Amino acid sequence: MAISLEQLNTIKDLAQSYGATRLILFGSSVDNPAAARDVDLACDGVSGWKLYELAARIEDAINMPLDLVPLSPSNRFVEMVERRGKRLL
């Protein structure tokens, strides 16, 4: 199940509506989009309960499983996401 351009635009629009300042797509959606079974995103600018709310809204809107992780605080995982991911915002 590949992620479409329309789904990516929906993700960006929703993230911006929640105040996201950075959004990075990573994992199988970048490495092998045609075989991706879920969407992995890392986000800055949305924290606490709002991050979980945003994840639920995105998952409902795109009808695909979603993992949404914060980009802050920086750690080795975040650095890898920043290096290998595709920046959407």
PDB file of N, CA and C in Angstrom:
ATOM      1  N   MET A   1       0.850  -1.175   0.000  1.00  0.00           N
ATOM      2  CA  MET A   1       0.000   0.000   0.000  1.00  0.00           C
ATOM      3  C   MET A   1       0.894   1.235   0.000  1.00  0.00           C
ATOM      4  N   ALA A   2       0.977   1.898  -1.098  1.00  0.00           N
ATOM      5  CA  ALA A   2       1.823   3.087  -1.232  1.00  0.00           C
ATOM      6  C   ALA A   2       1.091   4.329  -0.751  1.00  0.00           C
ATOM      7  N   ILE A   3       1.859   5.287  -0.290  1.00  0.00           N
ATOM      8  CA  ILE A   3       1.283   6.565   0.125  1.00  0.00           C
ATOM      9  C   ILE A   3       1.224   7.485  -1.087  1.00  0.00           C
ATOM     10  N   SER A   4       0.090   8.128  -1.271  1.00  0.00           N
ATOM     11  CA  SER A   4      -0.112   8.971  -2.451  1.00  0.00           C
ATOM     12  C   SER A   4       0.265  10.421  -2.159  1.00  0.00           C
ATOM     13  N   LEU A   5       0.415  11.183  -3.220  1.00  0.00           N
ATOM     14  CA  LEU A   5       0.683  12.617  -3.103  1.00  0.00           C
ATOM     15  C   LEU A   5      -0.478  13.303  -2.379  1.00  0.00           C
ATOM     16  N   GLU A   6      -1.689  12.882  -2.667  1.00  0.00           N
ATOM     17  CA  GLU A   6      -2.863  13.448  -1.995  1.00  0.00           C
ATOM     18  C   GLU A   6      -2.798  13.193  -0.482  1.00  0.00           C
ATOM     19  N   GLN A   7      -2.398  11.992  -0.089  1.00  0.00           N
ATOM     20  CA  GLN A   7      -2.265  11.678   1.335  1.00  0.00           C
ATOM     21  C   GLN A   7      -1.164  12.523   1.979  1.00  0.00           C
ATOM     22  N   LEU A   8      -0.052  12.703   1.273  1.00  0.00           N
ATOM     23  CA  LEU A   8       1.032  13.540   1.804  1.00  0.00           C
ATOM     24  C   LEU A   8       0.561  14.978   1.996  1.00  0.00           C
ATOM     25  N   ASN A   9      -0.216  15.492   1.055  1.00  0.00           N
ATOM     26  CA  ASN A   9      -0.744  16.850   1.188  1.00  0.00           C
ATOM     27  C   ASN A   9      -1.708  16.959   2.368  1.00  0.00           C
ATOM     28  N   THR A  10      -2.512  15.950   2.569  1.00  0.00           N
ATOM     29  CA  THR A  10      -3.421  15.916   3.712  1.00  0.00           C
ATOM     30  C   THR A  10      -2.633  15.925   5.011  1.00  0.00           C
ATOM     31  N   ILE A  11      -1.573  15.123   5.064  1.00  0.00           N
ATOM     32  CA  ILE A  11      -0.714  15.059   6.256  1.00  0.00           C
ATOM     33  C   ILE A  11      -0.121  16.429   6.538  1.00  0.00           C
ATOM     34  N   LYS A  12       0.433  17.069   5.519  1.00  0.00           N
ATOM     35  CA  LYS A  12       1.044  18.394   5.701  1.00  0.00           C
ATOM     36  C   LYS A  12       0.021  19.415   6.179  1.00  0.00           C
ATOM     37  N   ASP A  13      -1.155  19.416   5.575  1.00  0.00           N
ATOM     38  CA  ASP A  13      -2.197  20.372   5.958  1.00  0.00           C
ATOM     39  C   ASP A  13      -2.613  20.184   7.418  1.00  0.00           C
ATOM     40  N   LEU A  14      -2.832  18.949   7.821  1.00  0.00           N
ATOM     41  CA  LEU A  14      -3.227  18.687   9.203  1.00  0.00           C
ATOM     42  C   LEU A  14      -2.118  19.078  10.175  1.00  0.00           C
ATOM     43  N   ALA A  15      -0.883  18.719   9.839  1.00  0.00           N
ATOM     44  CA  ALA A  15       0.244  19.054  10.716  1.00  0.00           C
ATOM     45  C   ALA A  15       0.369  20.566  10.885  1.00  0.00           C
ATOM     46  N   GLN A  16       0.231  21.301   9.807  1.00  0.00           N
ATOM     47  CA  GLN A  16       0.308  22.758   9.887  1.00  0.00           C
ATOM     48  C   GLN A  16      -0.837  23.326  10.722  1.00  0.00           C
ATOM     49  N   SER A  17      -2.003  22.728  10.624  1.00  0.00           N
ATOM     50  CA  SER A  17      -3.144  23.221  11.400  1.00  0.00           C
ATOM     51  C   SER A  17      -2.934  23.011  12.898  1.00  0.00           C
ATOM     52  N   TYR A  18      -2.064  22.093  13.270  1.00  0.00           N
ATOM     53  CA  TYR A  18      -1.724  21.850  14.679  1.00  0.00           C
ATOM     54  C   TYR A  18      -0.480  22.621  15.110  1.00  0.00           C
ATOM     55  N   GLY A  19       0.106  23.381  14.194  1.00  0.00           N
ATOM     56  CA  GLY A  19       1.256  24.201  14.532  1.00  0.00           C
ATOM     57  C   GLY A  19       2.610  23.549  14.308  1.00  0.00           C
ATOM     58  N   ALA A  20       2.647  22.461  13.554  1.00  0.00           N
ATOM     59  CA  ALA A  20       3.925  21.790  13.288  1.00  0.00           C
ATOM     60  C   ALA A  20       4.883  22.738  12.571  1.00  0.00           C
ATOM     61  N   THR A  21       6.132  22.739  13.014  1.00  0.00           N
ATOM     62  CA  THR A  21       7.154  23.574  12.388  1.00  0.00           C
ATOM     63  C   THR A  21       8.098  22.756  11.511  1.00  0.00           C
ATOM     64  N   ARG A  22       8.206  21.479  11.813  1.00  0.00           N
ATOM     65  CA  ARG A  22       8.980  20.543  10.980  1.00  0.00           C
ATOM     66  C   ARG A  22       8.238  19.224  10.959  1.00  0.00           C
ATOM     67  N   LEU A  23       8.278  18.556   9.812  1.00  0.00           N
ATOM     68  CA  LEU A  23       7.641  17.259   9.653  1.00  0.00           C
ATOM     69  C   LEU A  23       8.502  16.448   8.704  1.00  0.00           C
ATOM     70  N   ILE A  24       8.922  15.287   9.160  1.00  0.00           N
ATOM     71  CA  ILE A  24       9.820  14.447   8.362  1.00  0.00           C
ATOM     72  C   ILE A  24       9.204  13.059   8.197  1.00  0.00           C
ATOM     73  N   LEU A  25       9.102  12.628   6.958  1.00  0.00           N
ATOM     74  CA  LEU A  25       8.657  11.287   6.609  1.00  0.00           C
ATOM     75  C   LEU A  25       9.880  10.383   6.629  1.00  0.00           C
ATOM     76  N   PHE A  26       9.775   9.226   7.259  1.00  0.00           N
ATOM     77  CA  PHE A  26      10.925   8.319   7.303  1.00  0.00           C
ATOM     78  C   PHE A  26      10.446   6.876   7.251  1.00  0.00           C
ATOM     79  N   GLY A  27      11.382   5.954   7.254  1.00  0.00           N
ATOM     80  CA  GLY A  27      11.043   4.530   7.259  1.00  0.00           C
ATOM     81  C   GLY A  27      10.658   4.024   5.885  1.00  0.00           C
ATOM     82  N   SER A  28       9.780   3.014   5.873  1.00  0.00           N
ATOM     83  CA  SER A  28       9.428   2.347   4.618  1.00  0.00           C
ATOM     84  C   SER A  28       8.743   3.270   3.623  1.00  0.00           C
ATOM     85  N   SER A  29       8.082   4.300   4.095  1.00  0.00           N
ATOM     86  CA  SER A  29       7.422   5.242   3.186  1.00  0.00           C
ATOM     87  C   SER A  29       8.422   5.996   2.319  1.00  0.00           C
ATOM     88  N   VAL A  30       9.656   6.094   2.792  1.00  0.00           N
ATOM     89  CA  VAL A  30      10.720   6.741   2.025  1.00  0.00           C
ATOM     90  C   VAL A  30      11.582   5.683   1.335  1.00  0.00           C
ATOM     91  N   ASP A  31      11.947   4.640   2.076  1.00  0.00           N
ATOM     92  CA  ASP A  31      12.857   3.619   1.552  1.00  0.00           C
ATOM     93  C   ASP A  31      12.239   2.755   0.459  1.00  0.00           C
ATOM     94  N   ASN A  32      10.974   2.383   0.627  1.00  0.00           N
ATOM     95  CA  ASN A  32      10.306   1.519  -0.341  1.00  0.00           C
ATOM     96  C   ASN A  32       8.807   1.859  -0.354  1.00  0.00           C
ATOM     97  N   PRO A  33       8.441   3.008  -0.928  1.00  0.00           N
ATOM     98  CA  PRO A  33       7.059   3.491  -0.839  1.00  0.00           C
ATOM     99  C   PRO A  33       6.007   2.516  -1.359  1.00  0.00           C
ATOM    100  N   ALA A  34       6.332   1.763  -2.398  1.00  0.00           N
ATOM    101  CA  ALA A  34       5.343   0.843  -2.969  1.00  0.00           C
ATOM    102  C   ALA A  34       4.978  -0.276  -2.004  1.00  0.00           C
ATOM    103  N   ALA A  35       5.877  -0.619  -1.115  1.00  0.00           N
ATOM    104  CA  ALA A  35       5.633  -1.707  -0.165  1.00  0.00           C
ATOM    105  C   ALA A  35       5.275  -1.215   1.238  1.00  0.00           C
ATOM    106  N   ALA A  36       5.203   0.081   1.423  1.00  0.00           N
ATOM    107  CA  ALA A  36       4.934   0.631   2.756  1.00  0.00           C
ATOM    108  C   ALA A  36       3.570   0.195   3.263  1.00  0.00           C
ATOM    109  N   ARG A  37       3.536  -0.292   4.496  1.00  0.00           N
ATOM    110  CA  ARG A  37       2.274  -0.697   5.117  1.00  0.00           C
ATOM    111  C   ARG A  37       1.819   0.296   6.169  1.00  0.00           C
ATOM    112  N   ASP A  38       2.709   1.234   6.487  1.00  0.00           N
ATOM    113  CA  ASP A  38       2.356   2.282   7.436  1.00  0.00           C
ATOM    114  C   ASP A  38       3.128   3.537   7.087  1.00  0.00           C
ATOM    115  N   VAL A  39       2.836   4.607   7.809  1.00  0.00           N
ATOM    116  CA  VAL A  39       3.506   5.878   7.592  1.00  0.00           C
ATOM    117  C   VAL A  39       4.238   6.236   8.877  1.00  0.00           C
ATOM    118  N   ASP A  40       5.519   6.557   8.747  1.00  0.00           N
ATOM    119  CA  ASP A  40       6.333   6.974   9.887  1.00  0.00           C
ATOM    120  C   ASP A  40       6.655   8.450   9.730  1.00  0.00           C
ATOM    121  N   LEU A  41       6.300   9.237  10.749  1.00  0.00           N
ATOM    122  CA  LEU A  41       6.524  10.673  10.726  1.00  0.00           C
ATOM    123  C   LEU A  41       7.186  11.124  12.012  1.00  0.00           C
ATOM    124  N   ALA A  42       8.019  12.152  11.885  1.00  0.00           N
ATOM    125  CA  ALA A  42       8.599  12.821  13.050  1.00  0.00           C
ATOM    126  C   ALA A  42       8.215  14.290  12.943  1.00  0.00           C
ATOM    127  N   CYS A  43       7.850  14.876  14.081  1.00  0.00           N
ATOM    128  CA  CYS A  43       7.252  16.205  14.079  1.00  0.00           C
ATOM    129  C   CYS A  43       7.860  17.090  15.151  1.00  0.00           C
ATOM    130  N   ASP A  44       7.990  18.380  14.836  1.00  0.00           N
ATOM    131  CA  ASP A  44       8.400  19.407  15.788  1.00  0.00           C
ATOM    132  C   ASP A  44       7.294  20.455  15.845  1.00  0.00           C
ATOM    133  N   GLY A  45       7.112  21.063  17.006  1.00  0.00           N
ATOM    134  CA  GLY A  45       6.146  22.142  17.144  1.00  0.00           C
ATOM    135  C   GLY A  45       4.812  21.723  17.726  1.00  0.00           C
ATOM    136  N   VAL A  46       4.613  20.428  17.892  1.00  0.00           N
ATOM    137  CA  VAL A  46       3.386  19.909  18.490  1.00  0.00           C
ATOM    138  C   VAL A  46       3.819  19.011  19.645  1.00  0.00           C
ATOM    139  N   SER A  47       3.298  19.291  20.825  1.00  0.00           N
ATOM    140  CA  SER A  47       3.757  18.509  21.973  1.00  0.00           C
ATOM    141  C   SER A  47       2.601  18.026  22.828  1.00  0.00           C
ATOM    142  N   GLY A  48       2.941  17.172  23.759  1.00  0.00           N
ATOM    143  CA  GLY A  48       1.962  16.673  24.705  1.00  0.00           C
ATOM    144  C   GLY A  48       0.816  15.950  24.027  1.00  0.00           C
ATOM    145  N   TRP A  49      -0.367  16.121  24.607  1.00  0.00           N
ATOM    146  CA  TRP A  49      -1.555  15.441  24.117  1.00  0.00           C
ATOM    147  C   TRP A  49      -1.867  15.813  22.675  1.00  0.00           C
ATOM    148  N   LYS A  50      -1.544  17.016  22.248  1.00  0.00           N
ATOM    149  CA  LYS A  50      -1.824  17.460  20.877  1.00  0.00           C
ATOM    150  C   LYS A  50      -1.119  16.583  19.844  1.00  0.00           C
ATOM    151  N   LEU A  51       0.062  16.055  20.175  1.00  0.00           N
ATOM    152  CA  LEU A  51       0.781  15.175  19.257  1.00  0.00           C
ATOM    153  C   LEU A  51      -0.021  13.898  19.017  1.00  0.00           C
ATOM    154  N   TYR A  52      -0.598  13.339  20.084  1.00  0.00           N
ATOM    155  CA  TYR A  52      -1.419  12.124  19.951  1.00  0.00           C
ATOM    156  C   TYR A  52      -2.705  12.424  19.188  1.00  0.00           C
ATOM    157  N   GLU A  53      -3.281  13.579  19.448  1.00  0.00           N
ATOM    158  CA  GLU A  53      -4.489  13.990  18.742  1.00  0.00           C
ATOM    159  C   GLU A  53      -4.200  14.143  17.251  1.00  0.00           C
ATOM    160  N   LEU A  54      -3.077  14.782  16.922  1.00  0.00           N
ATOM    161  CA  LEU A  54      -2.681  14.936  15.523  1.00  0.00           C
ATOM    162  C   LEU A  54      -2.486  13.576  14.863  1.00  0.00           C
ATOM    163  N   ALA A  55      -1.831  12.666  15.550  1.00  0.00           N
ATOM    164  CA  ALA A  55      -1.607  11.326  14.991  1.00  0.00           C
ATOM    165  C   ALA A  55      -2.931  10.645  14.670  1.00  0.00           C
ATOM    166  N   ALA A  56      -3.893  10.739  15.570  1.00  0.00           N
ATOM    167  CA  ALA A  56      -5.200  10.119  15.340  1.00  0.00           C
ATOM    168  C   ALA A  56      -5.918  10.761  14.155  1.00  0.00           C
ATOM    169  N   ARG A  57      -5.845  12.074  14.056  1.00  0.00           N
ATOM    170  CA  ARG A  57      -6.494  12.784  12.941  1.00  0.00           C
ATOM    171  C   ARG A  57      -5.873  12.390  11.605  1.00  0.00           C
ATOM    172  N   ILE A  58      -4.529  12.320  11.570  1.00  0.00           N
ATOM    173  CA  ILE A  58      -3.853  11.940  10.321  1.00  0.00           C
ATOM    174  C   ILE A  58      -4.214  10.511   9.940  1.00  0.00           C
ATOM    175  N   GLU A  59      -4.134   9.608  10.901  1.00  0.00           N
ATOM    176  CA  GLU A  59      -4.431   8.197  10.625  1.00  0.00           C
ATOM    177  C   GLU A  59      -5.849   8.032  10.073  1.00  0.00           C
ATOM    178  N   ASP A  60      -6.809   8.729  10.660  1.00  0.00           N
ATOM    179  CA  ASP A  60      -8.187   8.672  10.159  1.00  0.00           C
ATOM    180  C   ASP A  60      -8.292   9.250   8.753  1.00  0.00           C
ATOM    181  N   ALA A  61      -7.602  10.343   8.502  1.00  0.00           N
ATOM    182  CA  ALA A  61      -7.702  11.033   7.211  1.00  0.00           C
ATOM    183  C   ALA A  61      -7.079  10.249   6.065  1.00  0.00           C
ATOM    184  N   ILE A  62      -5.971   9.570   6.322  1.00  0.00           N
ATOM    185  CA  ILE A  62      -5.287   8.867   5.232  1.00  0.00           C
ATOM    186  C   ILE A  62      -5.622   7.379   5.180  1.00  0.00           C
ATOM    187  N   ASN A  63      -6.320   6.895   6.205  1.00  0.00           N
ATOM    188  CA  ASN A  63      -6.743   5.498   6.261  1.00  0.00           C
ATOM    189  C   ASN A  63      -5.569   4.519   6.140  1.00  0.00           C
ATOM    190  N   MET A  64      -4.483   4.847   6.850  1.00  0.00           N
ATOM    191  CA  MET A  64      -3.305   3.989   6.927  1.00  0.00           C
ATOM    192  C   MET A  64      -2.781   4.032   8.358  1.00  0.00           C
ATOM    193  N   PRO A  65      -2.169   2.935   8.814  1.00  0.00           N
ATOM    194  CA  PRO A  65      -1.536   2.980  10.134  1.00  0.00           C
ATOM    195  C   PRO A  65      -0.429   4.032  10.158  1.00  0.00           C
ATOM    196  N   LEU A  66      -0.248   4.662  11.306  1.00  0.00           N
ATOM    197  CA  LEU A  66       0.685   5.776  11.418  1.00  0.00           C
ATOM    198  C   LEU A  66       1.474   5.697  12.718  1.00  0.00           C
ATOM    199  N   ASP A  67       2.743   6.016  12.636  1.00  0.00           N
ATOM    200  CA  ASP A  67       3.588   6.238  13.813  1.00  0.00           C
ATOM    201  C   ASP A  67       4.057   7.675  13.741  1.00  0.00           C
ATOM    202  N   LEU A  68       3.802   8.442  14.795  1.00  0.00           N
ATOM    203  CA  LEU A  68       4.213   9.847  14.853  1.00  0.00           C
ATOM    204  C   LEU A  68       5.054  10.035  16.103  1.00  0.00           C
ATOM    205  N   VAL A  69       6.301  10.465  15.908  1.00  0.00           N
ATOM    206  CA  VAL A  69       7.220  10.660  17.032  1.00  0.00           C
ATOM    207  C   VAL A  69       7.690  12.109  17.061  1.00  0.00           C
ATOM    208  N   PRO A  70       8.054  12.601  18.241  1.00  0.00           N
ATOM    209  CA  PRO A  70       8.562  13.977  18.328  1.00  0.00           C
ATOM    210  C   PRO A  70      10.006  14.073  17.846  1.00  0.00           C
ATOM    211  N   LEU A  71      10.366  15.221  17.303  1.00  0.00           N
ATOM    212  CA  LEU A  71      11.750  15.483  16.897  1.00  0.00           C
ATOM    213  C   LEU A  71      12.574  16.088  18.034  1.00  0.00           C
ATOM    214  N   SER A  72      11.929  16.449  19.119  1.00  0.00           N
ATOM    215  CA  SER A  72      12.622  17.033  20.272  1.00  0.00           C
ATOM    216  C   SER A  72      12.296  16.221  21.504  1.00  0.00           C
ATOM    217  N   PRO A  73      13.271  15.971  22.339  1.00  0.00           N
ATOM    218  CA  PRO A  73      14.654  16.426  22.270  1.00  0.00           C
ATOM    219  C   PRO A  73      15.460  15.582  21.283  1.00  0.00           C
ATOM    220  N   SER A  74      16.529  16.155  20.814  1.00  0.00           N
ATOM    221  CA  SER A  74      17.400  15.464  19.865  1.00  0.00           C
ATOM    222  C   SER A  74      18.084  14.271  20.529  1.00  0.00           C
ATOM    223  N   ASN A  75      18.186  13.191  19.767  1.00  0.00           N
ATOM    224  CA  ASN A  75      18.912  12.000  20.209  1.00  0.00           C
ATOM    225  C   ASN A  75      19.402  11.273  18.959  1.00  0.00           C
ATOM    226  N   ARG A  76      20.021  10.128  19.121  1.00  0.00           N
ATOM    227  CA  ARG A  76      20.590   9.428  17.962  1.00  0.00           C
ATOM    228  C   ARG A  76      19.519   9.017  16.953  1.00  0.00           C
ATOM    229  N   PHE A  77      18.369   8.608  17.452  1.00  0.00           N
ATOM    230  CA  PHE A  77      17.276   8.234  16.557  1.00  0.00           C
ATOM    231  C   PHE A  77      16.807   9.439  15.736  1.00  0.00           C
ATOM    232  N   VAL A  78      16.604  10.560  16.388  1.00  0.00           N
ATOM    233  CA  VAL A  78      16.176  11.787  15.710  1.00  0.00           C
ATOM    234  C   VAL A  78      17.214  12.203  14.671  1.00  0.00           C
ATOM    235  N   GLU A  79      18.485  12.106  15.001  1.00  0.00           N
ATOM    236  CA  GLU A  79      19.538  12.450  14.047  1.00  0.00           C
ATOM    237  C   GLU A  79      19.480  11.560  12.814  1.00  0.00           C
ATOM    238  N   MET A  80      19.194  10.274  13.004  1.00  0.00           N
ATOM    239  CA  MET A  80      19.065   9.353  11.873  1.00  0.00           C
ATOM    240  C   MET A  80      17.850   9.728  11.017  1.00  0.00           C
ATOM    241  N   VAL A  81      16.734  10.064  11.656  1.00  0.00           N
ATOM    242  CA  VAL A  81      15.529  10.471  10.927  1.00  0.00           C
ATOM    243  C   VAL A  81      15.826  11.725  10.098  1.00  0.00           C
ATOM    244  N   GLU A  82      16.515  12.678  10.687  1.00  0.00           N
ATOM    245  CA  GLU A  82      16.857  13.916   9.978  1.00  0.00           C
ATOM    246  C   GLU A  82      17.760  13.671   8.786  1.00  0.00           C
ATOM    247  N   ARG A  83      18.672  12.704   8.910  1.00  0.00           N
ATOM    248  CA  ARG A  83      19.607  12.388   7.820  1.00  0.00           C
ATOM    249  C   ARG A  83      18.935  11.627   6.691  1.00  0.00           C
ATOM    250  N   ARG A  84      18.118  10.638   7.059  1.00  0.00           N
ATOM    251  CA  ARG A  84      17.604   9.702   6.070  1.00  0.00           C
ATOM    252  C   ARG A  84      16.166   9.969   5.621  1.00  0.00           C
ATOM    253  N   GLY A  85      15.470  10.817   6.349  1.00  0.00           N
ATOM    254  CA  GLY A  85      14.065  11.057   6.039  1.00  0.00           C
ATOM    255  C   GLY A  85      13.864  12.111   4.967  1.00  0.00           C
ATOM    256  N   LYS A  86      12.614  12.276   4.599  1.00  0.00           N
ATOM    257  CA  LYS A  86      12.207  13.287   3.599  1.00  0.00           C
ATOM    258  C   LYS A  86      11.427  14.366   4.316  1.00  0.00           C
ATOM    259  N   ARG A  87      11.936  15.574   4.272  1.00  0.00           N
ATOM    260  CA  ARG A  87      11.291  16.684   4.955  1.00  0.00           C
ATOM    261  C   ARG A  87      10.033  17.123   4.197  1.00  0.00           C
ATOM    262  N   LEU A  88       8.910  17.145   4.905  1.00  0.00           N
ATOM    263  CA  LEU A  88       7.650  17.582   4.323  1.00  0.00           C
ATOM    264  C   LEU A  88       7.351  19.025   4.697  1.00  0.00           C
ATOM    265  N   LEU A  89       7.792  19.447   5.881  1.00  0.00           N
ATOM    266  CA  LEU A  89       7.651  20.837   6.353  1.00  0.00           C
ATOM    267  C   LEU A  89       8.986  21.260   6.903  1.00  0.00           C
TER     268      LEU A  89
END
